[in-house]
Amino acid sequence: MPAFADHISDQQIADIIKHERSSWGNRGALISAVDVVTARQRATAAAGIAAGTGLAGSGSGADI
């Protein structure tokens, strides 16, 4: 599946998730565009840490 994160807005992503969480008998908690922004920021930070670029210091992991 091609990447689409840069092609739809945070609100559109939240709307898709809301639909999935409230359809077909699902009763998941609803989310907002702010929740999507927060999740994107956390994912970006986690990816940086995994790559060794999201840490203060050398990035080698030795300063953890």
PDB file of N, CA and C in Angstrom:
ATOM      1  N   MET A   1       0.853  -1.175   0.000  1.00  0.00           N
ATOM      2  CA  MET A   1       0.000   0.000   0.000  1.00  0.00           C
ATOM      3  C   MET A   1       0.892   1.228   0.000  1.00  0.00           C
ATOM      4  N   PRO A   2       0.623   2.160  -0.884  1.00  0.00           N
ATOM      5  CA  PRO A   2       1.438   3.371  -0.911  1.00  0.00           C
ATOM      6  C   PRO A   2       1.194   4.229   0.332  1.00  0.00           C
ATOM      7  N   ALA A   3       2.203   4.979   0.702  1.00  0.00           N
ATOM      8  CA  ALA A   3       2.085   5.893   1.840  1.00  0.00           C
ATOM      9  C   ALA A   3       1.090   6.995   1.512  1.00  0.00           C
ATOM     10  N   PHE A   4       0.315   7.404   2.483  1.00  0.00           N
ATOM     11  CA  PHE A   4      -0.666   8.457   2.257  1.00  0.00           C
ATOM     12  C   PHE A   4      -0.687   9.489   3.370  1.00  0.00           C
ATOM     13  N   ALA A   5       0.222   9.383   4.323  1.00  0.00           N
ATOM     14  CA  ALA A   5       0.216  10.282   5.480  1.00  0.00           C
ATOM     15  C   ALA A   5       0.345  11.745   5.083  1.00  0.00           C
ATOM     16  N   ASP A   6       1.047  12.020   4.016  1.00  0.00           N
ATOM     17  CA  ASP A   6       1.233  13.414   3.586  1.00  0.00           C
ATOM     18  C   ASP A   6       0.121  13.899   2.670  1.00  0.00           C
ATOM     19  N   HIS A   7      -0.866  13.040   2.400  1.00  0.00           N
ATOM     20  CA  HIS A   7      -1.915  13.391   1.445  1.00  0.00           C
ATOM     21  C   HIS A   7      -3.274  13.643   2.087  1.00  0.00           C
ATOM     22  N   ILE A   8      -3.441  13.276   3.347  1.00  0.00           N
ATOM     23  CA  ILE A   8      -4.712  13.536   4.030  1.00  0.00           C
ATOM     24  C   ILE A   8      -4.437  14.262   5.341  1.00  0.00           C
ATOM     25  N   SER A   9      -5.388  15.049   5.749  1.00  0.00           N
ATOM     26  CA  SER A   9      -5.202  15.890   6.933  1.00  0.00           C
ATOM     27  C   SER A   9      -5.384  15.083   8.216  1.00  0.00           C
ATOM     28  N   ASP A  10      -4.947  15.674   9.305  1.00  0.00           N
ATOM     29  CA  ASP A  10      -5.133  15.049  10.616  1.00  0.00           C
ATOM     30  C   ASP A  10      -6.620  14.861  10.904  1.00  0.00           C
ATOM     31  N   GLN A  11      -7.436  15.815  10.490  1.00  0.00           N
ATOM     32  CA  GLN A  11      -8.886  15.703  10.697  1.00  0.00           C
ATOM     33  C   GLN A  11      -9.456  14.541   9.890  1.00  0.00           C
ATOM     34  N   GLN A  12      -8.992  14.370   8.662  1.00  0.00           N
ATOM     35  CA  GLN A  12      -9.472  13.255   7.843  1.00  0.00           C
ATOM     36  C   GLN A  12      -9.080  11.905   8.456  1.00  0.00           C
ATOM     37  N   ILE A  13      -7.872  11.822   8.986  1.00  0.00           N
ATOM     38  CA  ILE A  13      -7.443  10.592   9.654  1.00  0.00           C
ATOM     39  C   ILE A  13      -8.319  10.326  10.865  1.00  0.00           C
ATOM     40  N   ALA A  14      -8.581  11.367  11.664  1.00  0.00           N
ATOM     41  CA  ALA A  14      -9.446  11.210  12.846  1.00  0.00           C
ATOM     42  C   ALA A  14     -10.839  10.757  12.422  1.00  0.00           C
ATOM     43  N   ASP A  15     -11.361  11.302  11.343  1.00  0.00           N
ATOM     44  CA  ASP A  15     -12.687  10.912  10.856  1.00  0.00           C
ATOM     45  C   ASP A  15     -12.725   9.445  10.436  1.00  0.00           C
ATOM     46  N   ILE A  16     -11.673   8.983   9.775  1.00  0.00           N
ATOM     47  CA  ILE A  16     -11.602   7.573   9.373  1.00  0.00           C
ATOM     48  C   ILE A  16     -11.586   6.672  10.601  1.00  0.00           C
ATOM     49  N   ILE A  17     -10.759   7.033  11.572  1.00  0.00           N
ATOM     50  CA  ILE A  17     -10.665   6.228  12.798  1.00  0.00           C
ATOM     51  C   ILE A  17     -11.988   6.246  13.557  1.00  0.00           C
ATOM     52  N   LYS A  18     -12.638   7.407  13.631  1.00  0.00           N
ATOM     53  CA  LYS A  18     -13.949   7.490  14.289  1.00  0.00           C
ATOM     54  C   LYS A  18     -14.940   6.546  13.626  1.00  0.00           C
ATOM     55  N   HIS A  19     -14.931   6.525  12.295  1.00  0.00           N
ATOM     56  CA  HIS A  19     -15.843   5.648  11.558  1.00  0.00           C
ATOM     57  C   HIS A  19     -15.565   4.181  11.897  1.00  0.00           C
ATOM     58  N   GLU A  20     -14.302   3.799  11.877  1.00  0.00           N
ATOM     59  CA  GLU A  20     -13.930   2.418  12.197  1.00  0.00           C
ATOM     60  C   GLU A  20     -14.319   2.059  13.631  1.00  0.00           C
ATOM     61  N   ARG A  21     -14.123   2.984  14.544  1.00  0.00           N
ATOM     62  CA  ARG A  21     -14.381   2.711  15.963  1.00  0.00           C
ATOM     63  C   ARG A  21     -15.860   2.745  16.324  1.00  0.00           C
ATOM     64  N   SER A  22     -16.695   3.298  15.455  1.00  0.00           N
ATOM     65  CA  SER A  22     -18.115   3.399  15.800  1.00  0.00           C
ATOM     66  C   SER A  22     -19.018   2.602  14.856  1.00  0.00           C
ATOM     67  N   SER A  23     -18.446   1.886  13.917  1.00  0.00           N
ATOM     68  CA  SER A  23     -19.227   1.106  12.955  1.00  0.00           C
ATOM     69  C   SER A  23     -19.155  -0.384  13.271  1.00  0.00           C
ATOM     70  N   TRP A  24     -20.077  -1.126  12.687  1.00  0.00           N
ATOM     71  CA  TRP A  24     -20.082  -2.582  12.752  1.00  0.00           C
ATOM     72  C   TRP A  24     -20.098  -3.108  14.192  1.00  0.00           C
ATOM     73  N   GLY A  25     -20.758  -2.387  15.068  1.00  0.00           N
ATOM     74  CA  GLY A  25     -20.858  -2.816  16.456  1.00  0.00           C
ATOM     75  C   GLY A  25     -19.669  -2.440  17.328  1.00  0.00           C
ATOM     76  N   ASN A  26     -18.685  -1.754  16.758  1.00  0.00           N
ATOM     77  CA  ASN A  26     -17.520  -1.328  17.547  1.00  0.00           C
ATOM     78  C   ASN A  26     -17.922  -0.193  18.481  1.00  0.00           C
ATOM     79  N   ARG A  27     -17.284  -0.143  19.622  1.00  0.00           N
ATOM     80  CA  ARG A  27     -17.578   0.908  20.601  1.00  0.00           C
ATOM     81  C   ARG A  27     -16.284   1.525  21.142  1.00  0.00           C
ATOM     82  N   GLY A  28     -15.332   1.745  20.259  1.00  0.00           N
ATOM     83  CA  GLY A  28     -14.062   2.333  20.679  1.00  0.00           C
ATOM     84  C   GLY A  28     -14.210   3.807  20.984  1.00  0.00           C
ATOM     85  N   ALA A  29     -13.276   4.296  21.787  1.00  0.00           N
ATOM     86  CA  ALA A  29     -13.273   5.719  22.135  1.00  0.00           C
ATOM     87  C   ALA A  29     -13.023   6.554  20.882  1.00  0.00           C
ATOM     88  N   LEU A  30     -13.732   7.656  20.761  1.00  0.00           N
ATOM     89  CA  LEU A  30     -13.555   8.550  19.619  1.00  0.00           C
ATOM     90  C   LEU A  30     -12.306   9.403  19.837  1.00  0.00           C
ATOM     91  N   ILE A  31     -11.703   9.827  18.737  1.00  0.00           N
ATOM     92  CA  ILE A  31     -10.508  10.648  18.827  1.00  0.00           C
ATOM     93  C   ILE A  31     -10.694  11.922  18.018  1.00  0.00           C
ATOM     94  N   SER A  32      -9.813  12.863  18.250  1.00  0.00           N
ATOM     95  CA  SER A  32      -9.870  14.143  17.537  1.00  0.00           C
ATOM     96  C   SER A  32      -8.618  14.306  16.691  1.00  0.00           C
ATOM     97  N   ALA A  33      -8.603  15.364  15.899  1.00  0.00           N
ATOM     98  CA  ALA A  33      -7.419  15.677  15.100  1.00  0.00           C
ATOM     99  C   ALA A  33      -6.220  15.949  16.008  1.00  0.00           C
ATOM    100  N   VAL A  34      -6.455  16.503  17.178  1.00  0.00           N
ATOM    101  CA  VAL A  34      -5.372  16.750  18.144  1.00  0.00           C
ATOM    102  C   VAL A  34      -4.757  15.425  18.578  1.00  0.00           C
ATOM    103  N   ASP A  35      -5.583  14.395  18.772  1.00  0.00           N
ATOM    104  CA  ASP A  35      -5.069  13.072  19.115  1.00  0.00           C
ATOM    105  C   ASP A  35      -4.176  12.530  18.004  1.00  0.00           C
ATOM    106  N   VAL A  36      -4.554  12.780  16.761  1.00  0.00           N
ATOM    107  CA  VAL A  36      -3.760  12.325  15.621  1.00  0.00           C
ATOM    108  C   VAL A  36      -2.415  13.046  15.597  1.00  0.00           C
ATOM    109  N   VAL A  37      -2.423  14.339  15.837  1.00  0.00           N
ATOM    110  CA  VAL A  37      -1.180  15.119  15.879  1.00  0.00           C
ATOM    111  C   VAL A  37      -0.262  14.561  16.960  1.00  0.00           C
ATOM    112  N   THR A  38      -0.810  14.303  18.135  1.00  0.00           N
ATOM    113  CA  THR A  38      -0.025  13.757  19.246  1.00  0.00           C
ATOM    114  C   THR A  38       0.562  12.398  18.877  1.00  0.00           C
ATOM    115  N   ALA A  39      -0.238  11.544  18.261  1.00  0.00           N
ATOM    116  CA  ALA A  39       0.244  10.220  17.865  1.00  0.00           C
ATOM    117  C   ALA A  39       1.351  10.335  16.817  1.00  0.00           C
ATOM    118  N   ARG A  40       1.200  11.260  15.871  1.00  0.00           N
ATOM    119  CA  ARG A  40       2.252  11.457  14.860  1.00  0.00           C
ATOM    120  C   ARG A  40       3.545  11.919  15.517  1.00  0.00           C
ATOM    121  N   GLN A  41       3.441  12.838  16.482  1.00  0.00           N
ATOM    122  CA  GLN A  41       4.633  13.342  17.159  1.00  0.00           C
ATOM    123  C   GLN A  41       5.326  12.228  17.934  1.00  0.00           C
ATOM    124  N   ARG A  42       4.545  11.407  18.615  1.00  0.00           N
ATOM    125  CA  ARG A  42       5.129  10.288  19.362  1.00  0.00           C
ATOM    126  C   ARG A  42       5.793   9.295  18.425  1.00  0.00           C
ATOM    127  N   ALA A  43       5.162   9.006  17.300  1.00  0.00           N
ATOM    128  CA  ALA A  43       5.738   8.061  16.337  1.00  0.00           C
ATOM    129  C   ALA A  43       7.033   8.612  15.757  1.00  0.00           C
ATOM    130  N   THR A  44       7.051   9.897  15.464  1.00  0.00           N
ATOM    131  CA  THR A  44       8.257  10.526  14.923  1.00  0.00           C
ATOM    132  C   THR A  44       9.381  10.485  15.949  1.00  0.00           C
ATOM    133  N   ALA A  45       9.058  10.786  17.209  1.00  0.00           N
ATOM    134  CA  ALA A  45      10.066  10.746  18.270  1.00  0.00           C
ATOM    135  C   ALA A  45      10.580   9.324  18.468  1.00  0.00           C
ATOM    136  N   ALA A  46       9.683   8.347  18.457  1.00  0.00           N
ATOM    137  CA  ALA A  46      10.092   6.953  18.626  1.00  0.00           C
ATOM    138  C   ALA A  46      10.983   6.506  17.474  1.00  0.00           C
ATOM    139  N   ALA A  47      10.663   6.931  16.267  1.00  0.00           N
ATOM    140  CA  ALA A  47      11.488   6.574  15.109  1.00  0.00           C
ATOM    141  C   ALA A  47      12.869   7.199  15.236  1.00  0.00           C
ATOM    142  N   GLY A  48      12.930   8.410  15.741  1.00  0.00           N
ATOM    143  CA  GLY A  48      14.219   9.080  15.940  1.00  0.00           C
ATOM    144  C   GLY A  48      15.053   8.381  16.989  1.00  0.00           C
ATOM    145  N   ILE A  49      14.419   7.948  18.061  1.00  0.00           N
ATOM    146  CA  ILE A  49      15.136   7.227  19.112  1.00  0.00           C
ATOM    147  C   ILE A  49      15.640   5.890  18.564  1.00  0.00           C
ATOM    148  N   ALA A  50      14.798   5.197  17.823  1.00  0.00           N
ATOM    149  CA  ALA A  50      15.200   3.902  17.258  1.00  0.00           C
ATOM    150  C   ALA A  50      16.370   4.065  16.298  1.00  0.00           C
ATOM    151  N   ALA A  51      16.413   5.202  15.605  1.00  0.00           N
ATOM    152  CA  ALA A  51      17.501   5.449  14.658  1.00  0.00           C
ATOM    153  C   ALA A  51      18.716   6.069  15.332  1.00  0.00           C
ATOM    154  N   GLY A  52      18.581   6.389  16.622  1.00  0.00           N
ATOM    155  CA  GLY A  52      19.697   6.995  17.330  1.00  0.00           C
ATOM    156  C   GLY A  52      19.800   8.486  17.144  1.00  0.00           C
ATOM    157  N   THR A  53      18.759   9.108  16.585  1.00  0.00           N
ATOM    158  CA  THR A  53      18.821  10.551  16.342  1.00  0.00           C
ATOM    159  C   THR A  53      17.934  11.345  17.281  1.00  0.00           C
ATOM    160  N   GLY A  54      17.116  10.683  18.073  1.00  0.00           N
ATOM    161  CA  GLY A  54      16.188  11.395  18.931  1.00  0.00           C
ATOM    162  C   GLY A  54      16.665  11.548  20.359  1.00  0.00           C
ATOM    163  N   LEU A  55      17.932  11.241  20.607  1.00  0.00           N
ATOM    164  CA  LEU A  55      18.470  11.310  21.959  1.00  0.00           C
ATOM    165  C   LEU A  55      19.366  12.521  22.127  1.00  0.00           C
ATOM    166  N   ALA A  56      19.379  13.074  23.322  1.00  0.00           N
ATOM    167  CA  ALA A  56      20.346  14.124  23.615  1.00  0.00           C
ATOM    168  C   ALA A  56      21.710  13.470  23.722  1.00  0.00           C
ATOM    169  N   GLY A  57      22.722  14.156  23.331  1.00  0.00           N
ATOM    170  CA  GLY A  57      24.063  13.591  23.433  1.00  0.00           C
ATOM    171  C   GLY A  57      24.529  13.024  22.102  1.00  0.00           C
ATOM    172  N   SER A  58      25.300  11.960  22.182  1.00  0.00           N
ATOM    173  CA  SER A  58      25.960  11.422  21.000  1.00  0.00           C
ATOM    174  C   SER A  58      25.063  10.700  20.043  1.00  0.00           C
ATOM    175  N   GLY A  59      23.902  10.217  20.522  1.00  0.00           N
ATOM    176  CA  GLY A  59      23.046   9.432  19.663  1.00  0.00           C
ATOM    177  C   GLY A  59      23.429   7.971  19.628  1.00  0.00           C
ATOM    178  N   SER A  60      24.455   7.601  20.367  1.00  0.00           N
ATOM    179  CA  SER A  60      24.917   6.220  20.357  1.00  0.00           C
ATOM    180  C   SER A  60      24.102   5.345  21.290  1.00  0.00           C
ATOM    181  N   GLY A  61      23.314   5.964  22.154  1.00  0.00           N
ATOM    182  CA  GLY A  61      22.552   5.199  23.136  1.00  0.00           C
ATOM    183  C   GLY A  61      23.313   5.035  24.447  1.00  0.00           C
ATOM    184  N   ALA A  62      24.584   5.393  24.462  1.00  0.00           N
ATOM    185  CA  ALA A  62      25.397   5.235  25.653  1.00  0.00           C
ATOM    186  C   ALA A  62      24.994   6.192  26.760  1.00  0.00           C
ATOM    187  N   ASP A  63      24.302   7.263  26.422  1.00  0.00           N
ATOM    188  CA  ASP A  63      23.921   8.248  27.427  1.00  0.00           C
ATOM    189  C   ASP A  63      22.528   8.015  27.988  1.00  0.00           C
ATOM    190  N   ILE A  64      21.966   6.855  27.728  1.00  0.00           N
ATOM    191  CA  ILE A  64      20.634   6.543  28.249  1.00  0.00           C
ATOM    192  C   ILE A  64      20.759   6.070  29.675  1.00  0.00           C
TER     193      ILE A  64
END
